[in-house]
Amino acid sequence: MRAQAAAQPGTRQHNIFEAAAAYVSACAEDDEPRIEEASGWVSPEALSFGVNELACRAVIALARERGESPHSVARTLLGLPAA
């Protein structure tokens, strides 16, 4: 699928951060067609890196907003007890 998209002239290439944003938002909305589409934009390794980067940035932003540590926010988001 990726090879076909790359071979077609005029096909827009997506970067790992666009893919991660689309993938995570589709997962949050349980939108399987969008999940599959975003999964095909980049390699699985690149998507994993992008999702990790998005998670880190989201936790940091929430921690700043809440005045808490990133560790505390991450545990709360995952439903884990305070350490």
N, C-alpha and C. Protein backbone atom coordinates (compact mmCIF):
# COMPACT_ATOMS: atom_id res chain seq x y z
N MET A 1 0.83 -1.19 0.00
CA MET A 1 0.00 0.00 0.00
C MET A 1 0.88 1.26 0.00
N ARG A 2 1.89 1.29 0.91
CA ARG A 2 2.79 2.46 0.95
C ARG A 2 3.56 2.59 -0.36
N ALA A 3 4.01 1.46 -0.91
CA ALA A 3 4.77 1.49 -2.15
C ALA A 3 3.90 2.01 -3.29
N GLN A 4 2.63 1.61 -3.32
CA GLN A 4 1.72 2.10 -4.36
C GLN A 4 1.52 3.59 -4.23
N ALA A 5 1.33 4.09 -3.00
CA ALA A 5 1.12 5.52 -2.79
C ALA A 5 2.35 6.31 -3.20
N ALA A 6 3.53 5.79 -2.89
CA ALA A 6 4.77 6.49 -3.23
C ALA A 6 4.99 6.51 -4.73
N ALA A 7 4.52 5.48 -5.42
CA ALA A 7 4.75 5.38 -6.86
C ALA A 7 3.78 6.24 -7.66
N GLN A 8 2.67 6.64 -7.07
CA GLN A 8 1.67 7.43 -7.79
C GLN A 8 2.05 8.90 -7.75
N PRO A 9 2.19 9.51 -8.95
CA PRO A 9 2.51 10.93 -8.96
C PRO A 9 1.37 11.75 -8.36
N GLY A 10 1.73 12.81 -7.66
CA GLY A 10 0.72 13.68 -7.07
C GLY A 10 0.20 13.17 -5.73
N THR A 11 0.67 12.01 -5.29
CA THR A 11 0.23 11.48 -4.01
C THR A 11 1.00 12.19 -2.91
N ARG A 12 0.28 12.71 -1.94
CA ARG A 12 0.90 13.44 -0.85
C ARG A 12 1.55 12.48 0.12
N GLN A 13 2.79 12.77 0.51
CA GLN A 13 3.50 11.99 1.51
C GLN A 13 3.19 12.56 2.89
N HIS A 14 2.94 11.71 3.85
CA HIS A 14 2.65 12.13 5.22
C HIS A 14 3.90 11.91 6.07
N ASN A 15 4.10 12.79 7.05
CA ASN A 15 5.24 12.58 7.94
C ASN A 15 4.77 11.78 9.16
N ILE A 16 5.73 11.37 9.99
CA ILE A 16 5.40 10.49 11.11
C ILE A 16 4.50 11.18 12.13
N PHE A 17 4.61 12.48 12.27
CA PHE A 17 3.79 13.17 13.26
C PHE A 17 2.35 13.33 12.78
N GLU A 18 2.17 13.57 11.49
CA GLU A 18 0.81 13.59 10.94
C GLU A 18 0.16 12.22 11.08
N ALA A 19 0.93 11.18 10.79
CA ALA A 19 0.41 9.82 10.92
C ALA A 19 0.05 9.51 12.36
N ALA A 20 0.91 9.88 13.29
CA ALA A 20 0.64 9.62 14.71
C ALA A 20 -0.60 10.37 15.18
N ALA A 21 -0.72 11.63 14.81
CA ALA A 21 -1.89 12.41 15.23
C ALA A 21 -3.18 11.82 14.67
N ALA A 22 -3.15 11.44 13.41
CA ALA A 22 -4.34 10.85 12.79
C ALA A 22 -4.67 9.49 13.42
N TYR A 23 -3.63 8.69 13.67
CA TYR A 23 -3.82 7.35 14.24
C TYR A 23 -4.38 7.42 15.65
N VAL A 24 -3.78 8.25 16.49
CA VAL A 24 -4.21 8.35 17.89
C VAL A 24 -5.63 8.93 17.98
N SER A 25 -5.91 9.96 17.21
CA SER A 25 -7.26 10.53 17.27
C SER A 25 -8.29 9.54 16.74
N ALA A 26 -7.94 8.77 15.73
CA ALA A 26 -8.86 7.74 15.22
C ALA A 26 -9.07 6.64 16.26
N CYS A 27 -8.01 6.26 16.97
CA CYS A 27 -8.15 5.26 18.04
C CYS A 27 -9.06 5.79 19.14
N ALA A 28 -8.89 7.06 19.50
CA ALA A 28 -9.71 7.65 20.56
C ALA A 28 -11.18 7.68 20.17
N GLU A 29 -11.46 7.79 18.88
CA GLU A 29 -12.83 7.83 18.38
C GLU A 29 -13.32 6.47 17.90
N ASP A 30 -12.47 5.45 18.05
CA ASP A 30 -12.79 4.08 17.64
C ASP A 30 -13.23 4.03 16.17
N ASP A 31 -12.46 4.73 15.33
CA ASP A 31 -12.77 4.83 13.89
C ASP A 31 -11.81 3.93 13.12
N GLU A 32 -12.20 2.67 12.95
CA GLU A 32 -11.33 1.66 12.33
C GLU A 32 -10.86 2.04 10.92
N PRO A 33 -11.71 2.58 10.04
CA PRO A 33 -11.20 2.95 8.72
C PRO A 33 -10.08 4.00 8.78
N ARG A 34 -10.22 4.99 9.65
CA ARG A 34 -9.18 6.01 9.80
C ARG A 34 -7.92 5.43 10.44
N ILE A 35 -8.09 4.49 11.36
CA ILE A 35 -6.94 3.83 11.98
C ILE A 35 -6.13 3.12 10.90
N GLU A 36 -6.82 2.36 10.07
CA GLU A 36 -6.14 1.62 9.00
C GLU A 36 -5.48 2.56 8.00
N GLU A 37 -6.17 3.65 7.67
CA GLU A 37 -5.60 4.61 6.72
C GLU A 37 -4.32 5.22 7.27
N ALA A 38 -4.37 5.73 8.50
CA ALA A 38 -3.19 6.36 9.10
C ALA A 38 -2.05 5.36 9.27
N SER A 39 -2.38 4.10 9.55
CA SER A 39 -1.37 3.06 9.71
C SER A 39 -0.59 2.83 8.43
N GLY A 40 -1.18 3.13 7.31
CA GLY A 40 -0.53 2.91 6.03
C GLY A 40 0.32 4.08 5.55
N TRP A 41 0.29 5.19 6.27
CA TRP A 41 1.02 6.37 5.82
C TRP A 41 2.53 6.26 6.02
N VAL A 42 2.95 5.56 7.06
CA VAL A 42 4.38 5.43 7.38
C VAL A 42 4.65 4.00 7.83
N SER A 43 5.90 3.65 8.01
CA SER A 43 6.23 2.31 8.48
C SER A 43 5.74 2.12 9.92
N PRO A 44 5.53 0.88 10.33
CA PRO A 44 5.10 0.63 11.71
C PRO A 44 6.09 1.20 12.74
N GLU A 45 7.37 1.13 12.44
CA GLU A 45 8.37 1.68 13.36
C GLU A 45 8.24 3.19 13.48
N ALA A 46 8.05 3.86 12.36
CA ALA A 46 7.90 5.31 12.36
C ALA A 46 6.62 5.71 13.08
N LEU A 47 5.55 4.96 12.85
CA LEU A 47 4.29 5.25 13.53
C LEU A 47 4.46 5.10 15.04
N SER A 48 5.15 4.06 15.46
CA SER A 48 5.39 3.83 16.88
C SER A 48 6.18 4.99 17.49
N PHE A 49 7.21 5.45 16.79
CA PHE A 49 7.98 6.60 17.26
C PHE A 49 7.09 7.83 17.38
N GLY A 50 6.28 8.08 16.37
CA GLY A 50 5.39 9.26 16.37
C GLY A 50 4.37 9.20 17.50
N VAL A 51 3.80 8.02 17.73
CA VAL A 51 2.82 7.85 18.81
C VAL A 51 3.51 8.08 20.16
N ASN A 52 4.72 7.56 20.32
CA ASN A 52 5.47 7.77 21.56
C ASN A 52 5.74 9.26 21.78
N GLU A 53 6.15 9.95 20.75
CA GLU A 53 6.42 11.38 20.87
C GLU A 53 5.15 12.15 21.22
N LEU A 54 4.04 11.79 20.59
CA LEU A 54 2.76 12.42 20.90
C LEU A 54 2.37 12.18 22.35
N ALA A 55 2.54 10.96 22.83
CA ALA A 55 2.21 10.64 24.22
C ALA A 55 3.06 11.46 25.18
N CYS A 56 4.35 11.56 24.91
CA CYS A 56 5.24 12.34 25.78
C CYS A 56 4.81 13.81 25.82
N ARG A 57 4.55 14.37 24.66
CA ARG A 57 4.15 15.78 24.61
C ARG A 57 2.81 16.01 25.30
N ALA A 58 1.88 15.07 25.14
CA ALA A 58 0.57 15.21 25.78
C ALA A 58 0.69 15.14 27.30
N VAL A 59 1.47 14.21 27.79
CA VAL A 59 1.66 14.08 29.24
C VAL A 59 2.33 15.32 29.81
N ILE A 60 3.34 15.83 29.12
CA ILE A 60 4.02 17.05 29.58
C ILE A 60 3.05 18.23 29.61
N ALA A 61 2.24 18.38 28.55
CA ALA A 61 1.28 19.48 28.49
C ALA A 61 0.25 19.37 29.62
N LEU A 62 -0.28 18.18 29.84
CA LEU A 62 -1.24 17.99 30.92
C LEU A 62 -0.61 18.23 32.29
N ALA A 63 0.62 17.79 32.46
CA ALA A 63 1.31 17.99 33.74
C ALA A 63 1.48 19.48 34.03
N ARG A 64 1.87 20.23 33.02
CA ARG A 64 2.02 21.68 33.20
C ARG A 64 0.68 22.33 33.52
N GLU A 65 -0.34 21.92 32.80
CA GLU A 65 -1.68 22.47 33.00
C GLU A 65 -2.21 22.18 34.40
N ARG A 66 -1.94 20.99 34.90
CA ARG A 66 -2.44 20.56 36.20
C ARG A 66 -1.50 20.90 37.36
N GLY A 67 -0.29 21.31 37.04
CA GLY A 67 0.69 21.58 38.08
C GLY A 67 1.14 20.30 38.79
N GLU A 68 1.20 19.22 38.04
CA GLU A 68 1.61 17.92 38.58
C GLU A 68 2.84 17.43 37.83
N SER A 69 3.43 16.36 38.30
CA SER A 69 4.57 15.77 37.61
C SER A 69 4.07 14.93 36.42
N PRO A 70 4.88 14.80 35.38
CA PRO A 70 4.51 13.91 34.26
C PRO A 70 4.25 12.49 34.74
N HIS A 71 5.04 12.02 35.70
CA HIS A 71 4.86 10.67 36.24
C HIS A 71 3.46 10.50 36.83
N SER A 72 3.05 11.46 37.62
CA SER A 72 1.73 11.41 38.25
C SER A 72 0.61 11.44 37.21
N VAL A 73 0.76 12.31 36.24
CA VAL A 73 -0.27 12.43 35.18
C VAL A 73 -0.36 11.14 34.37
N ALA A 74 0.78 10.57 34.02
CA ALA A 74 0.78 9.34 33.22
C ALA A 74 0.08 8.21 33.99
N ARG A 75 0.39 8.08 35.27
CA ARG A 75 -0.25 7.04 36.08
C ARG A 75 -1.76 7.26 36.19
N THR A 76 -2.16 8.52 36.36
CA THR A 76 -3.59 8.85 36.45
C THR A 76 -4.31 8.51 35.15
N LEU A 77 -3.71 8.87 34.02
CA LEU A 77 -4.33 8.60 32.72
C LEU A 77 -4.51 7.10 32.48
N LEU A 78 -3.60 6.31 33.01
CA LEU A 78 -3.67 4.86 32.85
C LEU A 78 -4.48 4.17 33.95
N GLY A 79 -5.00 4.96 34.89
CA GLY A 79 -5.80 4.39 35.96
C GLY A 79 -4.99 3.64 36.98
N LEU A 80 -3.71 3.99 37.12
CA LEU A 80 -2.84 3.33 38.08
C LEU A 80 -2.85 4.09 39.40
N PRO A 81 -2.65 3.41 40.52
CA PRO A 81 -2.61 4.11 41.80
C PRO A 81 -1.35 4.97 41.89
N ALA A 82 -1.42 5.98 42.72
CA ALA A 82 -0.26 6.85 42.93
C ALA A 82 0.91 6.03 43.44
N ALA A 83 2.09 6.36 42.96
CA ALA A 83 3.28 5.58 43.36
C ALA A 83 3.86 6.10 44.65
